[in-house]
Amino acid sequence: MDAESFFEEMPFADLLGIELTEIADGHAEGRLAMREELSWHSERVLAHGGVTYTLADTVGGAALVSLVDRPVPTVDMRMDYLEAGTGDLTAEADVVREGGDVGVVDVDVYADEGDAHLASGRGVYKTGESE
């Protein structure tokens, strides 16, 4: 499976404008160009929490796909929001555990401008074959 092609063809990630910039060896990075439609605030462009979450979830899944070479549905994702995103966002993910049934990935989301740490997450993804 070509991980980059798989994620480039994901309709929801495409709708948000998520771009994966690196996928290899249990590590992935991605970015999202912030725009007014993705904001939770009517007067300032501030990333909605769901946008931050989706970026983290997508990049986290990509990190694990780089190792298991198949789609990995999300089982659980825990996010700690540290600051509101006010510009383009980037995410970095690293696999913590590649298990037979589930994998665990840590993800951090940053603002492109000023490198503010916006959120930290831990995702659990199904790595085993579906029955």
Protein backbone atom coordinates (compact mmCIF):
# COMPACT_ATOMS: atom_id res chain seq x y z
CA MET A 1 0.00 0.00 0.00
CA ASP A 2 1.28 3.43 -0.91
CA ALA A 3 0.57 5.37 2.29
CA GLU A 4 0.91 8.80 0.67
CA SER A 5 -1.59 7.96 -2.08
CA PHE A 6 -4.01 6.43 0.43
CA PHE A 7 -4.12 9.58 2.52
CA GLU A 8 -4.16 11.93 -0.48
CA GLU A 9 -7.34 10.18 -1.65
CA MET A 10 -9.10 10.43 1.74
CA PRO A 11 -12.15 12.64 1.04
CA PHE A 12 -12.47 14.23 4.50
CA ALA A 13 -8.77 15.06 4.79
CA ASP A 14 -8.94 16.47 1.28
CA LEU A 15 -11.97 18.61 2.21
CA LEU A 16 -10.03 20.13 5.12
CA GLY A 17 -6.88 20.55 3.03
CA ILE A 18 -4.62 18.24 5.04
CA GLU A 19 -1.31 17.61 3.29
CA LEU A 20 1.04 14.86 4.45
CA THR A 21 4.60 16.07 4.06
CA GLU A 22 6.49 13.05 5.44
CA ILE A 23 5.59 9.40 6.02
CA ALA A 24 8.29 6.83 6.83
CA ASP A 25 9.43 4.35 9.45
CA GLY A 26 6.76 5.05 12.07
CA HIS A 27 6.97 8.83 11.71
CA ALA A 28 4.68 11.22 9.85
CA GLU A 29 4.28 14.95 9.46
CA GLY A 30 1.50 16.97 7.92
CA ARG A 31 0.14 20.46 7.58
CA LEU A 32 -3.11 22.28 7.14
CA ALA A 33 -3.51 25.77 5.70
CA MET A 34 -5.91 27.55 8.02
CA ARG A 35 -8.84 29.39 6.48
CA GLU A 36 -11.98 31.15 7.66
CA GLU A 37 -14.27 28.14 7.06
CA LEU A 38 -12.29 26.09 9.60
CA SER A 39 -12.53 28.68 12.38
CA TRP A 40 -14.72 28.55 15.47
CA HIS A 41 -14.65 32.34 15.88
CA SER A 42 -16.61 34.76 13.67
CA GLU A 43 -14.20 37.71 13.99
CA ARG A 44 -10.78 35.99 14.11
CA VAL A 45 -9.52 32.90 12.33
CA LEU A 46 -8.96 30.42 15.18
CA ALA A 47 -8.79 26.69 14.41
CA HIS A 48 -11.83 24.74 15.58
CA GLY A 49 -10.87 21.88 17.91
CA GLY A 50 -12.26 19.38 15.42
CA VAL A 51 -9.86 20.65 12.78
CA THR A 52 -6.91 20.25 15.14
CA TYR A 53 -8.15 16.79 16.12
CA THR A 54 -8.61 15.66 12.52
CA LEU A 55 -5.12 16.82 11.57
CA ALA A 56 -3.65 14.92 14.54
CA ASP A 57 -5.71 11.79 13.83
CA THR A 58 -4.82 11.75 10.14
CA VAL A 59 -1.09 12.27 10.71
CA GLY A 60 -1.09 9.75 13.57
CA GLY A 61 -2.72 7.14 11.37
CA ALA A 62 -0.21 7.83 8.61
CA ALA A 63 2.71 7.17 10.98
CA LEU A 64 1.30 3.73 11.80
CA VAL A 65 0.36 2.93 8.19
CA SER A 66 4.03 3.48 7.30
CA LEU A 67 4.82 0.40 9.42
CA VAL A 68 1.83 -1.94 8.97
CA ASP A 69 1.11 -1.16 5.31
CA ARG A 70 -2.71 -1.22 5.62
CA PRO A 71 -5.49 1.11 6.73
CA VAL A 72 -5.69 1.61 10.52
CA PRO A 73 -9.13 2.66 11.82
CA THR A 74 -9.04 4.86 14.91
CA VAL A 75 -10.06 3.05 18.11
CA ASP A 76 -9.49 5.96 20.50
CA MET A 77 -7.86 9.37 20.47
CA ARG A 78 -7.10 11.55 23.46
CA MET A 79 -6.32 15.22 22.87
CA ASP A 80 -5.05 17.91 25.22
CA TYR A 81 -5.63 21.35 23.73
CA LEU A 82 -2.97 23.80 24.92
CA GLU A 83 -3.67 26.91 22.85
CA ALA A 84 -5.93 28.07 20.01
CA GLY A 85 -4.43 27.78 16.54
CA THR A 86 -4.15 31.11 14.75
CA GLY A 87 -2.65 30.26 11.41
CA ASP A 88 -1.46 27.28 9.45
CA LEU A 89 -1.04 24.12 11.52
CA THR A 90 1.55 21.34 11.42
CA ALA A 91 1.50 17.96 13.13
CA GLU A 92 4.23 15.45 13.94
CA ALA A 93 3.50 11.85 14.91
CA ASP A 94 5.61 8.95 16.14
CA VAL A 95 4.57 5.35 16.72
CA VAL A 96 4.97 4.33 20.36
CA ARG A 97 3.80 0.73 19.94
CA GLU A 98 3.15 -1.37 16.85
CA GLY A 99 1.05 -4.24 18.16
CA GLY A 100 -0.63 -7.18 16.51
CA ASP A 101 -4.13 -5.87 17.21
CA VAL A 102 -3.61 -2.20 18.05
CA GLY A 103 -0.93 0.43 17.63
CA VAL A 104 -0.29 3.55 19.71
CA VAL A 105 0.90 6.87 18.29
CA ASP A 106 1.85 10.17 19.96
CA VAL A 107 1.02 13.34 18.02
CA ASP A 108 1.84 17.01 18.57
CA VAL A 109 0.24 19.92 16.73
CA TYR A 110 1.98 23.27 16.30
CA ALA A 111 1.24 26.67 14.79
CA ASP A 112 3.47 27.38 11.81
CA GLU A 113 3.97 30.96 12.97
CA GLY A 114 5.92 31.12 16.23
CA ASP A 115 5.99 27.34 16.70
CA ALA A 116 3.35 27.50 19.47
CA HIS A 117 2.52 24.02 20.78
CA LEU A 118 -1.26 23.82 20.25
CA ALA A 119 -2.15 20.26 21.22
CA SER A 120 -0.81 16.87 22.26
CA GLY A 121 -2.58 13.63 21.51
CA ARG A 122 -2.30 9.89 21.80
CA GLY A 123 -4.10 7.77 19.25
CA VAL A 124 -4.91 4.07 19.38
CA TYR A 125 -5.52 2.45 16.01
CA LYS A 126 -6.61 -1.04 14.95
CA THR A 127 -3.73 -2.81 13.23
CA GLY A 128 -5.12 -6.36 13.08
CA GLU A 129 -7.13 -7.80 10.24
CA SER A 130 -10.89 -7.26 10.35
CA GLU A 131 -12.90 -10.40 10.96
